[in-house]
């Protein structure tokens, strides 16, 4: 699993039939404080996340293990919205 921040949305009118009706969000990987650390990528949203939220994602074959993404041509999925993070006994992120 990876922590990422939702930084935008994507619209695709022509896509594989298994992706019709699915929300595609643009994510940027972050560290445990929510600071950006990597290149943006697109993921299927299974939890109704929104722009600005910190989320947990899965990639590769693990991305196809949710009920919504089973047997779909996806490489990344949002599977949770993060409410808070605690690292070494200290709060590093709290959803406002």
PDB file of N, CA and C in Angstrom:
ATOM      1  N   UNK A   1       0.840  -1.173   0.000  1.00  0.00           N
ATOM      2  CA  UNK A   1       0.000   0.000   0.000  1.00  0.00           C
ATOM      3  C   UNK A   1       0.882   1.233   0.000  1.00  0.00           C
ATOM      4  N   UNK A   2       0.321   2.300  -0.556  1.00  0.00           N
ATOM      5  CA  UNK A   2       1.044   3.553  -0.634  1.00  0.00           C
ATOM      6  C   UNK A   2       0.127   4.704  -0.222  1.00  0.00           C
ATOM      7  N   UNK A   3       0.708   5.709   0.425  1.00  0.00           N
ATOM      8  CA  UNK A   3      -0.023   6.915   0.765  1.00  0.00           C
ATOM      9  C   UNK A   3       0.087   7.872  -0.408  1.00  0.00           C
ATOM     10  N   UNK A   4      -1.035   8.504  -0.778  1.00  0.00           N
ATOM     11  CA  UNK A   4      -1.029   9.459  -1.878  1.00  0.00           C
ATOM     12  C   UNK A   4      -2.049  10.552  -1.605  1.00  0.00           C
ATOM     13  N   UNK A   5      -1.874  11.686  -2.281  1.00  0.00           N
ATOM     14  CA  UNK A   5      -2.818  12.788  -2.178  1.00  0.00           C
ATOM     15  C   UNK A   5      -3.540  12.928  -3.505  1.00  0.00           C
ATOM     16  N   UNK A   6      -4.851  13.106  -3.446  1.00  0.00           N
ATOM     17  CA  UNK A   6      -5.636  13.320  -4.662  1.00  0.00           C
ATOM     18  C   UNK A   6      -5.393  14.757  -5.115  1.00  0.00           C
ATOM     19  N   UNK A   7      -4.842  14.908  -6.329  1.00  0.00           N
ATOM     20  CA  UNK A   7      -4.506  16.242  -6.820  1.00  0.00           C
ATOM     21  C   UNK A   7      -5.360  16.670  -8.016  1.00  0.00           C
ATOM     22  N   UNK A   8      -6.192  15.774  -8.515  1.00  0.00           N
ATOM     23  CA  UNK A   8      -7.026  16.156  -9.650  1.00  0.00           C
ATOM     24  C   UNK A   8      -7.914  15.023 -10.132  1.00  0.00           C
ATOM     25  N   UNK A   9      -8.648  15.309 -11.187  1.00  0.00           N
ATOM     26  CA  UNK A   9      -9.550  14.328 -11.780  1.00  0.00           C
ATOM     27  C   UNK A   9      -9.208  14.131 -13.241  1.00  0.00           C
ATOM     28  N   UNK A  10      -9.717  13.061 -13.797  1.00  0.00           N
ATOM     29  CA  UNK A  10      -9.510  12.767 -15.206  1.00  0.00           C
ATOM     30  C   UNK A  10     -10.838  12.355 -15.809  1.00  0.00           C
ATOM     31  N   UNK A  11     -11.090  12.770 -17.029  1.00  0.00           N
ATOM     32  CA  UNK A  11     -12.311  12.394 -17.733  1.00  0.00           C
ATOM     33  C   UNK A  11     -11.919  11.659 -19.000  1.00  0.00           C
ATOM     34  N   UNK A  12     -12.555  10.514 -19.220  1.00  0.00           N
ATOM     35  CA  UNK A  12     -12.295   9.720 -20.411  1.00  0.00           C
ATOM     36  C   UNK A  12     -13.624   9.193 -20.934  1.00  0.00           C
ATOM     37  N   UNK A  13     -14.037   9.685 -22.080  1.00  0.00           N
ATOM     38  CA  UNK A  13     -15.328   9.254 -22.632  1.00  0.00           C
ATOM     39  C   UNK A  13     -15.212   7.955 -23.404  1.00  0.00           C
ATOM     40  N   UNK A  14     -14.007   7.648 -23.890  1.00  0.00           N
ATOM     41  CA  UNK A  14     -13.783   6.396 -24.608  1.00  0.00           C
ATOM     42  C   UNK A  14     -12.821   5.555 -23.774  1.00  0.00           C
ATOM     43  N   UNK A  15     -13.323   4.398 -23.304  1.00  0.00           N
ATOM     44  CA  UNK A  15     -12.489   3.542 -22.445  1.00  0.00           C
ATOM     45  C   UNK A  15     -13.016   2.120 -22.467  1.00  0.00           C
ATOM     46  N   UNK A  16     -12.270   1.218 -21.892  1.00  0.00           N
ATOM     47  CA  UNK A  16     -12.679  -0.172 -21.785  1.00  0.00           C
ATOM     48  C   UNK A  16     -14.044  -0.234 -21.104  1.00  0.00           C
ATOM     49  N   UNK A  17     -14.910  -1.110 -21.570  1.00  0.00           N
ATOM     50  CA  UNK A  17     -16.276  -1.202 -21.035  1.00  0.00           C
ATOM     51  C   UNK A  17     -16.312  -1.492 -19.541  1.00  0.00           C
ATOM     52  N   UNK A  18     -15.289  -2.150 -18.997  1.00  0.00           N
ATOM     53  CA  UNK A  18     -15.268  -2.455 -17.565  1.00  0.00           C
ATOM     54  C   UNK A  18     -14.956  -1.219 -16.714  1.00  0.00           C
ATOM     55  N   UNK A  19     -14.533  -0.137 -17.369  1.00  0.00           N
ATOM     56  CA  UNK A  19     -14.224   1.096 -16.647  1.00  0.00           C
ATOM     57  C   UNK A  19     -15.335   2.131 -16.760  1.00  0.00           C
ATOM     58  N   UNK A  20     -16.364   1.847 -17.536  1.00  0.00           N
ATOM     59  CA  UNK A  20     -17.480   2.781 -17.701  1.00  0.00           C
ATOM     60  C   UNK A  20     -18.143   3.022 -16.343  1.00  0.00           C
ATOM     61  N   UNK A  21     -18.347   4.282 -16.009  1.00  0.00           N
ATOM     62  CA  UNK A  21     -18.979   4.641 -14.737  1.00  0.00           C
ATOM     63  C   UNK A  21     -18.022   4.710 -13.564  1.00  0.00           C
ATOM     64  N   UNK A  22     -16.750   4.477 -13.799  1.00  0.00           N
ATOM     65  CA  UNK A  22     -15.759   4.509 -12.715  1.00  0.00           C
ATOM     66  C   UNK A  22     -15.070   5.867 -12.682  1.00  0.00           C
ATOM     67  N   UNK A  23     -14.860   6.396 -11.472  1.00  0.00           N
ATOM     68  CA  UNK A  23     -14.188   7.684 -11.313  1.00  0.00           C
ATOM     69  C   UNK A  23     -12.679   7.469 -11.338  1.00  0.00           C
ATOM     70  N   UNK A  24     -12.002   8.276 -12.150  1.00  0.00           N
ATOM     71  CA  UNK A  24     -10.549   8.226 -12.271  1.00  0.00           C
ATOM     72  C   UNK A  24      -9.967   9.488 -11.633  1.00  0.00           C
ATOM     73  N   UNK A  25      -9.086   9.313 -10.670  1.00  0.00           N
ATOM     74  CA  UNK A  25      -8.484  10.446  -9.979  1.00  0.00           C
ATOM     75  C   UNK A  25      -6.978  10.468 -10.197  1.00  0.00           C
ATOM     76  N   UNK A  26      -6.409  11.670 -10.193  1.00  0.00           N
ATOM     77  CA  UNK A  26      -4.962  11.838 -10.334  1.00  0.00           C
ATOM     78  C   UNK A  26      -4.385  11.952  -8.930  1.00  0.00           C
ATOM     79  N   UNK A  27      -3.382  11.135  -8.659  1.00  0.00           N
ATOM     80  CA  UNK A  27      -2.756  11.067  -7.332  1.00  0.00           C
ATOM     81  C   UNK A  27      -1.279  11.406  -7.424  1.00  0.00           C
ATOM     82  N   UNK A  28      -0.745  11.898  -6.304  1.00  0.00           N
ATOM     83  CA  UNK A  28       0.702  12.073  -6.181  1.00  0.00           C
ATOM     84  C   UNK A  28       1.131  11.367  -4.907  1.00  0.00           C
ATOM     85  N   UNK A  29       2.099  10.453  -5.000  1.00  0.00           N
ATOM     86  CA  UNK A  29       2.590   9.771  -3.791  1.00  0.00           C
ATOM     87  C   UNK A  29       3.107  10.791  -2.775  1.00  0.00           C
ATOM     88  N   UNK A  30       2.930  10.477  -1.483  1.00  0.00           N
ATOM     89  CA  UNK A  30       3.407  11.366  -0.428  1.00  0.00           C
ATOM     90  C   UNK A  30       4.149  10.576   0.636  1.00  0.00           C
ATOM     91  N   UNK A  31       4.847  11.314   1.484  1.00  0.00           N
ATOM     92  CA  UNK A  31       5.450  10.682   2.655  1.00  0.00           C
ATOM     93  C   UNK A  31       4.404  10.639   3.771  1.00  0.00           C
ATOM     94  N   UNK A  32       4.829  10.245   4.970  1.00  0.00           N
ATOM     95  CA  UNK A  32       3.884  10.079   6.073  1.00  0.00           C
ATOM     96  C   UNK A  32       3.332  11.406   6.604  1.00  0.00           C
ATOM     97  N   UNK A  33       3.866  12.523   6.128  1.00  0.00           N
ATOM     98  CA  UNK A  33       3.358  13.839   6.528  1.00  0.00           C
ATOM     99  C   UNK A  33       2.472  14.457   5.444  1.00  0.00           C
ATOM    100  N   UNK A  34       2.310  13.746   4.334  1.00  0.00           N
ATOM    101  CA  UNK A  34       1.515  14.269   3.239  1.00  0.00           C
ATOM    102  C   UNK A  34       2.302  15.126   2.265  1.00  0.00           C
ATOM    103  N   UNK A  35       3.633  15.122   2.398  1.00  0.00           N
ATOM    104  CA  UNK A  35       4.493  15.893   1.491  1.00  0.00           C
ATOM    105  C   UNK A  35       4.742  15.092   0.213  1.00  0.00           C
ATOM    106  N   UNK A  36       4.633  15.727  -0.966  1.00  0.00           N
ATOM    107  CA  UNK A  36       4.809  15.008  -2.235  1.00  0.00           C
ATOM    108  C   UNK A  36       6.207  14.414  -2.371  1.00  0.00           C
ATOM    109  N   UNK A  37       6.271  13.174  -2.898  1.00  0.00           N
ATOM    110  CA  UNK A  37       7.573  12.521  -3.085  1.00  0.00           C
ATOM    111  C   UNK A  37       7.720  11.836  -4.436  1.00  0.00           C
ATOM    112  N   UNK A  38       6.730  11.857  -5.263  1.00  0.00           N
ATOM    113  CA  UNK A  38       6.842  11.125  -6.519  1.00  0.00           C
ATOM    114  C   UNK A  38       6.035  11.746  -7.639  1.00  0.00           C
ATOM    115  N   UNK A  39       6.012  11.034  -8.754  1.00  0.00           N
ATOM    116  CA  UNK A  39       5.302  11.493  -9.943  1.00  0.00           C
ATOM    117  C   UNK A  39       3.816  11.149  -9.856  1.00  0.00           C
ATOM    118  N   UNK A  40       2.961  12.006 -10.414  1.00  0.00           N
ATOM    119  CA  UNK A  40       1.518  11.735 -10.413  1.00  0.00           C
ATOM    120  C   UNK A  40       1.158  10.478 -11.208  1.00  0.00           C
ATOM    121  N   UNK A  41       0.061   9.857 -10.826  1.00  0.00           N
ATOM    122  CA  UNK A  41      -0.477   8.713 -11.555  1.00  0.00           C
ATOM    123  C   UNK A  41      -1.990   8.705 -11.395  1.00  0.00           C
ATOM    124  N   UNK A  42      -2.667   7.892 -12.198  1.00  0.00           N
ATOM    125  CA  UNK A  42      -4.129   7.816 -12.176  1.00  0.00           C
ATOM    126  C   UNK A  42      -4.555   6.518 -11.501  1.00  0.00           C
ATOM    127  N   UNK A  43      -5.612   6.609 -10.690  1.00  0.00           N
ATOM    128  CA  UNK A  43      -6.143   5.423 -10.001  1.00  0.00           C
ATOM    129  C   UNK A  43      -7.665   5.422 -10.070  1.00  0.00           C
ATOM    130  N   UNK A  44      -8.231   4.226 -10.038  1.00  0.00           N
ATOM    131  CA  UNK A  44      -9.679   4.061  -9.941  1.00  0.00           C
ATOM    132  C   UNK A  44     -10.082   4.326  -8.494  1.00  0.00           C
ATOM    133  N   UNK A  45     -11.135   5.131  -8.306  1.00  0.00           N
ATOM    134  CA  UNK A  45     -11.605   5.457  -6.965  1.00  0.00           C
ATOM    135  C   UNK A  45     -12.740   4.510  -6.577  1.00  0.00           C
ATOM    136  N   UNK A  46     -12.561   3.762  -5.485  1.00  0.00           N
ATOM    137  CA  UNK A  46     -13.611   2.845  -5.025  1.00  0.00           C
ATOM    138  C   UNK A  46     -14.289   3.338  -3.749  1.00  0.00           C
ATOM    139  N   UNK A  47     -13.852   4.496  -3.227  1.00  0.00           N
ATOM    140  CA  UNK A  47     -14.359   4.961  -1.925  1.00  0.00           C
ATOM    141  C   UNK A  47     -14.894   6.393  -1.950  1.00  0.00           C
ATOM    142  N   UNK A  48     -15.071   6.946  -3.134  1.00  0.00           N
ATOM    143  CA  UNK A  48     -15.597   8.310  -3.287  1.00  0.00           C
ATOM    144  C   UNK A  48     -14.693   9.359  -2.641  1.00  0.00           C
ATOM    145  N   UNK A  49     -13.387   9.256  -2.911  1.00  0.00           N
ATOM    146  CA  UNK A  49     -12.413  10.230  -2.414  1.00  0.00           C
ATOM    147  C   UNK A  49     -12.561  11.536  -3.191  1.00  0.00           C
ATOM    148  N   UNK A  50     -12.013  12.609  -2.635  1.00  0.00           N
ATOM    149  CA  UNK A  50     -12.091  13.906  -3.289  1.00  0.00           C
ATOM    150  C   UNK A  50     -10.736  14.574  -3.389  1.00  0.00           C
ATOM    151  N   UNK A  51     -10.658  15.591  -4.230  1.00  0.00           N
ATOM    152  CA  UNK A  51      -9.423  16.337  -4.412  1.00  0.00           C
ATOM    153  C   UNK A  51      -8.991  16.921  -3.066  1.00  0.00           C
ATOM    154  N   UNK A  52      -7.705  16.773  -2.769  1.00  0.00           N
ATOM    155  CA  UNK A  52      -7.128  17.269  -1.527  1.00  0.00           C
ATOM    156  C   UNK A  52      -7.029  16.232  -0.431  1.00  0.00           C
ATOM    157  N   UNK A  53      -7.709  15.095  -0.583  1.00  0.00           N
ATOM    158  CA  UNK A  53      -7.683  14.073   0.468  1.00  0.00           C
ATOM    159  C   UNK A  53      -6.443  13.188   0.356  1.00  0.00           C
ATOM    160  N   UNK A  54      -6.004  12.700   1.506  1.00  0.00           N
ATOM    161  CA  UNK A  54      -4.938  11.713   1.577  1.00  0.00           C
ATOM    162  C   UNK A  54      -5.600  10.340   1.546  1.00  0.00           C
ATOM    163  N   UNK A  55      -5.061   9.440   0.722  1.00  0.00           N
ATOM    164  CA  UNK A  55      -5.688   8.138   0.522  1.00  0.00           C
ATOM    165  C   UNK A  55      -4.656   7.021   0.585  1.00  0.00           C
ATOM    166  N   UNK A  56      -5.147   5.793   0.743  1.00  0.00           N
ATOM    167  CA  UNK A  56      -4.311   4.598   0.632  1.00  0.00           C
ATOM    168  C   UNK A  56      -4.599   3.959  -0.710  1.00  0.00           C
ATOM    169  N   UNK A  57      -3.552   3.534  -1.395  1.00  0.00           N
ATOM    170  CA  UNK A  57      -3.714   2.924  -2.703  1.00  0.00           C
ATOM    171  C   UNK A  57      -3.009   1.567  -2.762  1.00  0.00           C
ATOM    172  N   UNK A  58      -3.426   0.779  -3.722  1.00  0.00           N
ATOM    173  CA  UNK A  58      -2.740  -0.471  -4.040  1.00  0.00           C
ATOM    174  C   UNK A  58      -2.432  -0.428  -5.528  1.00  0.00           C
ATOM    175  N   UNK A  59      -1.365  -1.094  -5.920  1.00  0.00           N
ATOM    176  CA  UNK A  59      -0.960  -1.071  -7.327  1.00  0.00           C
ATOM    177  C   UNK A  59      -0.670  -2.482  -7.822  1.00  0.00           C
ATOM    178  N   UNK A  60      -0.567  -2.599  -9.135  1.00  0.00           N
ATOM    179  CA  UNK A  60      -0.278  -3.884  -9.756  1.00  0.00           C
ATOM    180  C   UNK A  60      -1.451  -4.836  -9.611  1.00  0.00           C
ATOM    181  N   UNK A  61      -1.164  -6.120  -9.462  1.00  0.00           N
ATOM    182  CA  UNK A  61      -2.238  -7.107  -9.381  1.00  0.00           C
ATOM    183  C   UNK A  61      -3.109  -6.900  -8.143  1.00  0.00           C
ATOM    184  N   UNK A  62      -2.567  -6.304  -7.094  1.00  0.00           N
ATOM    185  CA  UNK A  62      -3.368  -6.013  -5.896  1.00  0.00           C
ATOM    186  C   UNK A  62      -4.487  -5.030  -6.189  1.00  0.00           C
ATOM    187  N   UNK A  63      -4.305  -4.173  -7.169  1.00  0.00           N
ATOM    188  CA  UNK A  63      -5.332  -3.186  -7.534  1.00  0.00           C
ATOM    189  C   UNK A  63      -6.576  -3.853  -8.105  1.00  0.00           C
ATOM    190  N   UNK A  64      -6.459  -5.079  -8.526  1.00  0.00           N
ATOM    191  CA  UNK A  64      -7.592  -5.793  -9.120  1.00  0.00           C
ATOM    192  C   UNK A  64      -8.262  -6.742  -8.120  1.00  0.00           C
ATOM    193  N   UNK A  65      -8.034  -6.517  -6.825  1.00  0.00           N
ATOM    194  CA  UNK A  65      -8.589  -7.396  -5.800  1.00  0.00           C
ATOM    195  C   UNK A  65      -9.820  -6.837  -5.100  1.00  0.00           C
ATOM    196  N   UNK A  66     -10.234  -5.600  -5.417  1.00  0.00           N
ATOM    197  CA  UNK A  66     -11.443  -5.061  -4.793  1.00  0.00           C
ATOM    198  C   UNK A  66     -12.664  -5.569  -5.555  1.00  0.00           C
ATOM    199  N   UNK A  67     -13.813  -5.466  -4.943  1.00  0.00           N
ATOM    200  CA  UNK A  67     -15.055  -5.880  -5.593  1.00  0.00           C
ATOM    201  C   UNK A  67     -15.280  -5.102  -6.881  1.00  0.00           C
ATOM    202  N   UNK A  68     -14.999  -3.812  -6.847  1.00  0.00           N
ATOM    203  CA  UNK A  68     -15.234  -2.947  -8.005  1.00  0.00           C
ATOM    204  C   UNK A  68     -14.228  -3.180  -9.124  1.00  0.00           C
ATOM    205  N   UNK A  69     -12.977  -3.488  -8.786  1.00  0.00           N
ATOM    206  CA  UNK A  69     -11.937  -3.599  -9.816  1.00  0.00           C
ATOM    207  C   UNK A  69     -11.613  -5.025 -10.241  1.00  0.00           C
ATOM    208  N   UNK A  70     -12.300  -6.004  -9.689  1.00  0.00           N
ATOM    209  CA  UNK A  70     -12.022  -7.400 -10.047  1.00  0.00           C
ATOM    210  C   UNK A  70     -12.145  -7.599 -11.557  1.00  0.00           C
ATOM    211  N   UNK A  71     -11.119  -8.184 -12.145  1.00  0.00           N
ATOM    212  CA  UNK A  71     -11.066  -8.472 -13.588  1.00  0.00           C
ATOM    213  C   UNK A  71     -11.125  -7.225 -14.469  1.00  0.00           C
ATOM    214  N   UNK A  72     -10.741  -6.067 -13.918  1.00  0.00           N
ATOM    215  CA  UNK A  72     -10.695  -4.824 -14.699  1.00  0.00           C
ATOM    216  C   UNK A  72      -9.241  -4.497 -15.059  1.00  0.00           C
ATOM    217  N   UNK A  73      -9.044  -3.810 -16.167  1.00  0.00           N
ATOM    218  CA  UNK A  73      -7.690  -3.459 -16.586  1.00  0.00           C
ATOM    219  C   UNK A  73      -7.159  -2.230 -15.842  1.00  0.00           C
ATOM    220  N   UNK A  74      -6.898  -2.394 -14.541  1.00  0.00           N
ATOM    221  CA  UNK A  74      -6.400  -1.279 -13.733  1.00  0.00           C
ATOM    222  C   UNK A  74      -5.059  -1.630 -13.102  1.00  0.00           C
ATOM    223  N   UNK A  75      -4.265  -0.596 -12.868  1.00  0.00           N
ATOM    224  CA  UNK A  75      -2.966  -0.788 -12.243  1.00  0.00           C
ATOM    225  C   UNK A  75      -2.874  -0.097 -10.894  1.00  0.00           C
ATOM    226  N   UNK A  76      -3.867   0.771 -10.572  1.00  0.00           N
ATOM    227  CA  UNK A  76      -3.872   1.446  -9.279  1.00  0.00           C
ATOM    228  C   UNK A  76      -5.311   1.675  -8.836  1.00  0.00           C
ATOM    229  N   UNK A  77      -5.542   1.519  -7.519  1.00  0.00           N
ATOM    230  CA  UNK A  77      -6.885   1.691  -6.961  1.00  0.00           C
ATOM    231  C   UNK A  77      -6.794   2.444  -5.642  1.00  0.00           C
ATOM    232  N   UNK A  78      -7.760   3.341  -5.420  1.00  0.00           N
ATOM    233  CA  UNK A  78      -7.891   3.997  -4.120  1.00  0.00           C
ATOM    234  C   UNK A  78      -8.825   3.121  -3.300  1.00  0.00           C
ATOM    235  N   UNK A  79      -8.357   2.666  -2.135  1.00  0.00           N
ATOM    236  CA  UNK A  79      -9.156   1.742  -1.339  1.00  0.00           C
ATOM    237  C   UNK A  79      -9.488   2.261   0.042  1.00  0.00           C
ATOM    238  N   UNK A  80      -8.969   3.450   0.399  1.00  0.00           N
ATOM    239  CA  UNK A  80      -9.294   4.038   1.704  1.00  0.00           C
ATOM    240  C   UNK A  80      -8.965   5.520   1.701  1.00  0.00           C
ATOM    241  N   UNK A  81      -9.758   6.288   2.438  1.00  0.00           N
ATOM    242  CA  UNK A  81      -9.461   7.698   2.702  1.00  0.00           C
ATOM    243  C   UNK A  81      -8.875   7.756   4.104  1.00  0.00           C
ATOM    244  N   UNK A  82      -7.736   8.413   4.250  1.00  0.00           N
ATOM    245  CA  UNK A  82      -7.031   8.468   5.530  1.00  0.00           C
ATOM    246  C   UNK A  82      -7.618   9.566   6.412  1.00  0.00           C
ATOM    247  N   UNK A  83      -7.964   9.208   7.648  1.00  0.00           N
ATOM    248  CA  UNK A  83      -8.439  10.180   8.630  1.00  0.00           C
ATOM    249  C   UNK A  83      -7.286  10.757   9.438  1.00  0.00           C
ATOM    250  N   UNK A  84      -6.320   9.905   9.775  1.00  0.00           N
ATOM    251  CA  UNK A  84      -5.159  10.384  10.534  1.00  0.00           C
ATOM    252  C   UNK A  84      -4.003   9.410  10.365  1.00  0.00           C
ATOM    253  N   UNK A  85      -2.802   9.936  10.593  1.00  0.00           N
ATOM    254  CA  UNK A  85      -1.586   9.125  10.570  1.00  0.00           C
ATOM    255  C   UNK A  85      -0.809   9.393  11.848  1.00  0.00           C
ATOM    256  N   UNK A  86      -0.280   8.348  12.454  1.00  0.00           N
ATOM    257  CA  UNK A  86       0.565   8.480  13.635  1.00  0.00           C
ATOM    258  C   UNK A  86       1.855   7.723  13.348  1.00  0.00           C
ATOM    259  N   UNK A  87       2.983   8.408  13.490  1.00  0.00           N
ATOM    260  CA  UNK A  87       4.289   7.804  13.236  1.00  0.00           C
ATOM    261  C   UNK A  87       5.174   8.020  14.456  1.00  0.00           C
ATOM    262  N   UNK A  88       5.769   6.957  14.952  1.00  0.00           N
ATOM    263  CA  UNK A  88       6.628   7.023  16.138  1.00  0.00           C
ATOM    264  C   UNK A  88       5.926   7.707  17.310  1.00  0.00           C
ATOM    265  N   UNK A  89       4.636   7.411  17.481  1.00  0.00           N
ATOM    266  CA  UNK A  89       3.893   7.950  18.601  1.00  0.00           C
ATOM    267  C   UNK A  89       3.449   9.392  18.457  1.00  0.00           C
ATOM    268  N   UNK A  90       3.723   9.995  17.291  1.00  0.00           N
ATOM    269  CA  UNK A  90       3.352  11.381  17.075  1.00  0.00           C
ATOM    270  C   UNK A  90       2.411  11.488  15.874  1.00  0.00           C
ATOM    271  N   UNK A  91       1.420  12.338  16.008  1.00  0.00           N
ATOM    272  CA  UNK A  91       0.481  12.559  14.921  1.00  0.00           C
ATOM    273  C   UNK A  91       1.183  13.335  13.806  1.00  0.00           C
ATOM    274  N   UNK A  92       1.180  12.754  12.595  1.00  0.00           N
ATOM    275  CA  UNK A  92       1.819  13.434  11.467  1.00  0.00           C
ATOM    276  C   UNK A  92       0.795  13.982  10.472  1.00  0.00           C
ATOM    277  N   UNK A  93      -0.463  13.525  10.600  1.00  0.00           N
ATOM    278  CA  UNK A  93      -1.520  14.033   9.727  1.00  0.00           C
ATOM    279  C   UNK A  93      -2.868  13.781  10.392  1.00  0.00           C
ATOM    280  N   UNK A  94      -3.724  14.795  10.368  1.00  0.00           N
ATOM    281  CA  UNK A  94      -5.099  14.669  10.824  1.00  0.00           C
ATOM    282  C   UNK A  94      -5.975  15.360   9.798  1.00  0.00           C
ATOM    283  N   UNK A  95      -6.950  14.621   9.294  1.00  0.00           N
ATOM    284  CA  UNK A  95      -7.868  15.179   8.293  1.00  0.00           C
ATOM    285  C   UNK A  95      -8.658  16.318   8.927  1.00  0.00           C
ATOM    286  N   UNK A  96      -8.712  17.440   8.232  1.00  0.00           N
ATOM    287  CA  UNK A  96      -9.446  18.587   8.790  1.00  0.00           C
ATOM    288  C   UNK A  96     -10.892  18.598   8.351  1.00  0.00           C
TER     289      UNK A  96
END
